[in-house]
Amino acid sequence: MKRLIILVVFFLICGREGLMAQGSVGYYPWSNLLTISTNPRKVFWVDSRFQTNSLFSSLSVDILPMINFKRGEVTQWYFGGGVRLNPLYRIADSKADLITVDGYSFNVGVRIKPLPQNRNIQLALELNPYVKDKFDSGVLKSHFGVVYVFTKKKKKVEDAAQ
């Protein structure tokens, strides 16, 4: 039920035509990640990911600079790496650092634009090797989600003539 509510809210946000920002929002339902990024159509962009299924004391935020290495009309291939931070860990442990570094990751992914009538709706597939901060353990994650890329509203021809 929680995933359904998040998806409904996600698509309501995506349906707003008046938004002027150039960035994207997405949701990876099986990973329980909400993602907000700068403009992914540029060569270099930054993605931030927030867990949606955690206690506040274990809430982590991933900051992931990304680089597009191949862009086409239907697919966009990218890679990047980043750091996982836990800004609220101090709630559980008063002796913890103000912002705790949980670990590091490397991402390789593709965004697929399956709808010719609306290329802003995209499917995202990723492989995400992740290691803990002391490099003592790690895991290979995979993500599958839905992304919406916001674009600036195009001016109508009559607006441009004035």
Protein backbone atom coordinates (compact mmCIF):
# COMPACT_ATOMS: atom_id res chain seq x y z
CA MET A 1 0.00 0.00 0.00
CA LYS A 2 2.85 2.37 0.87
CA ARG A 3 4.45 1.85 -2.56
CA LEU A 4 1.14 2.52 -4.30
CA ILE A 5 0.69 5.81 -2.45
CA ILE A 6 4.24 6.90 -3.30
CA LEU A 7 3.71 6.04 -6.99
CA VAL A 8 0.41 7.97 -7.09
CA VAL A 9 2.07 11.04 -5.53
CA PHE A 10 5.00 10.65 -7.94
CA PHE A 11 2.74 10.66 -11.00
CA LEU A 12 0.68 13.57 -9.69
CA ILE A 13 3.87 15.59 -9.36
CA CYS A 14 4.95 14.51 -12.86
CA GLY A 15 1.66 15.60 -14.37
CA ARG A 16 2.08 19.24 -13.44
CA GLU A 17 2.74 21.02 -16.72
CA GLY A 18 3.54 24.37 -15.18
CA LEU A 19 6.82 23.29 -13.62
CA MET A 20 9.79 25.21 -14.98
CA ALA A 21 12.66 23.29 -13.38
CA GLN A 22 15.06 21.19 -15.40
CA GLY A 23 15.76 18.14 -13.34
CA SER A 24 14.19 14.81 -12.61
CA VAL A 25 12.45 12.85 -9.91
CA GLY A 26 12.17 9.10 -9.74
CA TYR A 27 11.19 6.20 -7.58
CA TYR A 28 12.79 2.77 -7.36
CA PRO A 29 9.97 0.75 -5.74
CA TRP A 30 11.91 -2.45 -4.97
CA SER A 31 14.82 -0.49 -3.51
CA ASN A 32 12.53 2.01 -1.74
CA LEU A 33 14.52 4.97 -3.06
CA LEU A 34 13.25 8.41 -4.00
CA THR A 35 15.64 10.19 -6.36
CA ILE A 36 15.96 13.87 -7.20
CA SER A 37 18.55 15.04 -9.68
CA THR A 38 19.80 17.98 -11.66
CA ASN A 39 19.22 17.99 -15.42
CA PRO A 40 20.14 14.44 -16.56
CA ARG A 41 20.22 15.53 -20.20
CA LYS A 42 23.50 17.34 -19.61
CA VAL A 43 26.85 15.56 -19.84
CA PHE A 44 27.46 15.99 -16.09
CA TRP A 45 24.63 15.82 -13.53
CA VAL A 46 24.12 15.01 -9.85
CA ASP A 47 21.65 12.53 -8.42
CA SER A 48 20.56 12.40 -4.78
CA ARG A 49 18.72 9.40 -3.36
CA PHE A 50 16.70 9.11 -0.19
CA GLN A 51 15.57 5.91 1.51
CA THR A 52 11.84 5.77 2.10
CA ASN A 53 11.62 2.68 4.33
CA SER A 54 13.93 3.45 7.27
CA LEU A 55 13.86 4.63 10.80
CA PHE A 56 15.10 8.22 11.10
CA SER A 57 18.25 7.05 12.84
CA SER A 58 19.23 4.91 9.87
CA LEU A 59 18.13 7.24 7.08
CA SER A 60 20.80 7.46 4.41
CA VAL A 61 21.26 9.88 1.55
CA ASP A 62 23.32 9.06 -1.54
CA ILE A 63 25.01 11.92 -3.41
CA LEU A 64 26.04 10.65 -6.85
CA PRO A 65 27.75 12.76 -9.53
CA MET A 66 26.99 11.14 -12.91
CA ILE A 67 28.42 11.39 -16.42
CA ASN A 68 26.47 10.53 -19.56
CA PHE A 69 28.69 8.58 -21.93
CA LYS A 70 26.12 7.78 -24.63
CA ARG A 71 22.87 9.59 -25.33
CA GLY A 72 20.34 8.74 -27.97
CA GLU A 73 16.70 9.42 -28.63
CA VAL A 74 15.54 6.33 -26.72
CA THR A 75 18.41 5.51 -24.34
CA GLN A 76 20.85 7.36 -22.12
CA TRP A 77 23.84 5.47 -20.68
CA TYR A 78 25.64 6.87 -17.67
CA PHE A 79 28.06 6.08 -14.88
CA GLY A 80 29.21 7.74 -11.69
CA GLY A 81 30.11 7.21 -8.11
CA GLY A 82 29.35 8.76 -4.85
CA VAL A 83 29.05 8.69 -1.14
CA ARG A 84 26.28 7.54 1.20
CA LEU A 85 25.77 9.88 4.13
CA ASN A 86 23.65 9.46 7.21
CA PRO A 87 22.75 12.95 8.46
CA LEU A 88 20.42 11.68 11.20
CA TYR A 89 22.54 8.91 12.70
CA ARG A 90 23.40 11.20 15.59
CA ILE A 91 19.84 10.68 16.88
CA ALA A 92 20.72 7.05 17.70
CA ASP A 93 24.30 7.72 18.84
CA SER A 94 25.15 11.07 20.42
CA LYS A 95 28.88 10.32 20.05
CA ALA A 96 28.62 9.88 16.28
CA ASP A 97 29.99 12.41 13.81
CA LEU A 98 27.64 15.21 12.85
CA ILE A 99 27.30 13.65 9.40
CA THR A 100 28.27 9.99 9.23
CA VAL A 101 29.71 8.49 6.04
CA ASP A 102 28.17 5.04 5.58
CA GLY A 103 29.95 3.99 2.42
CA TYR A 104 30.79 4.53 -1.24
CA SER A 105 29.26 3.36 -4.48
CA PHE A 106 29.80 3.16 -8.20
CA ASN A 107 26.81 3.30 -10.55
CA VAL A 108 26.35 2.18 -14.15
CA GLY A 109 22.93 2.60 -15.64
CA VAL A 110 20.62 3.28 -18.52
CA ARG A 111 17.49 5.36 -18.78
CA ILE A 112 15.08 4.14 -21.42
CA LYS A 113 12.45 6.45 -22.94
CA PRO A 114 9.81 3.95 -24.11
CA LEU A 115 7.03 6.37 -25.06
CA PRO A 116 7.60 8.28 -28.32
CA GLN A 117 4.86 10.78 -27.42
CA ASN A 118 6.48 11.63 -24.07
CA ARG A 119 10.24 11.09 -23.75
CA ASN A 120 10.18 12.65 -20.25
CA ILE A 121 8.82 9.43 -18.75
CA GLN A 122 11.73 7.01 -18.42
CA LEU A 123 12.58 3.59 -17.03
CA ALA A 124 15.87 3.41 -15.11
CA LEU A 125 18.00 0.28 -14.73
CA GLU A 126 21.24 0.31 -12.71
CA LEU A 127 23.99 -1.81 -11.26
CA ASN A 128 25.36 -0.33 -8.07
CA PRO A 129 28.37 -1.91 -6.32
CA TYR A 130 28.50 -0.51 -2.79
CA VAL A 131 31.19 -0.81 -0.09
CA LYS A 132 31.06 0.19 3.57
CA ASP A 133 33.12 3.15 4.78
CA LYS A 134 35.99 0.97 6.06
CA PHE A 135 35.91 -1.25 2.93
CA ASP A 136 35.28 -4.31 5.14
CA SER A 137 32.12 -5.41 3.32
CA GLY A 138 30.05 -4.63 0.29
CA VAL A 139 27.13 -5.64 -1.84
CA LEU A 140 26.16 -5.53 -5.51
CA LYS A 141 22.80 -3.79 -5.76
CA SER A 142 20.53 -3.42 -8.75
CA HIS A 143 17.83 -0.82 -9.17
CA PHE A 144 14.78 -0.59 -11.42
CA GLY A 145 12.54 2.45 -11.34
CA VAL A 146 10.47 5.09 -13.05
CA VAL A 147 11.81 8.60 -13.65
CA TYR A 148 10.23 11.81 -14.89
CA VAL A 149 12.46 14.49 -16.39
CA PHE A 150 11.17 18.05 -16.14
CA THR A 151 11.82 20.45 -19.00
CA LYS A 152 11.24 24.14 -19.44
CA LYS A 153 7.94 24.95 -20.98
CA LYS A 154 8.42 25.77 -24.66
CA LYS A 155 7.20 29.18 -25.71
CA LYS A 156 4.41 29.14 -28.22
CA VAL A 157 5.15 30.56 -31.66
CA GLU A 158 2.80 33.49 -31.07
CA ASP A 159 4.56 34.33 -27.76
CA ALA A 160 7.90 34.38 -29.56
CA ALA A 161 6.57 36.75 -32.26
CA GLN A 162 5.59 39.40 -29.69
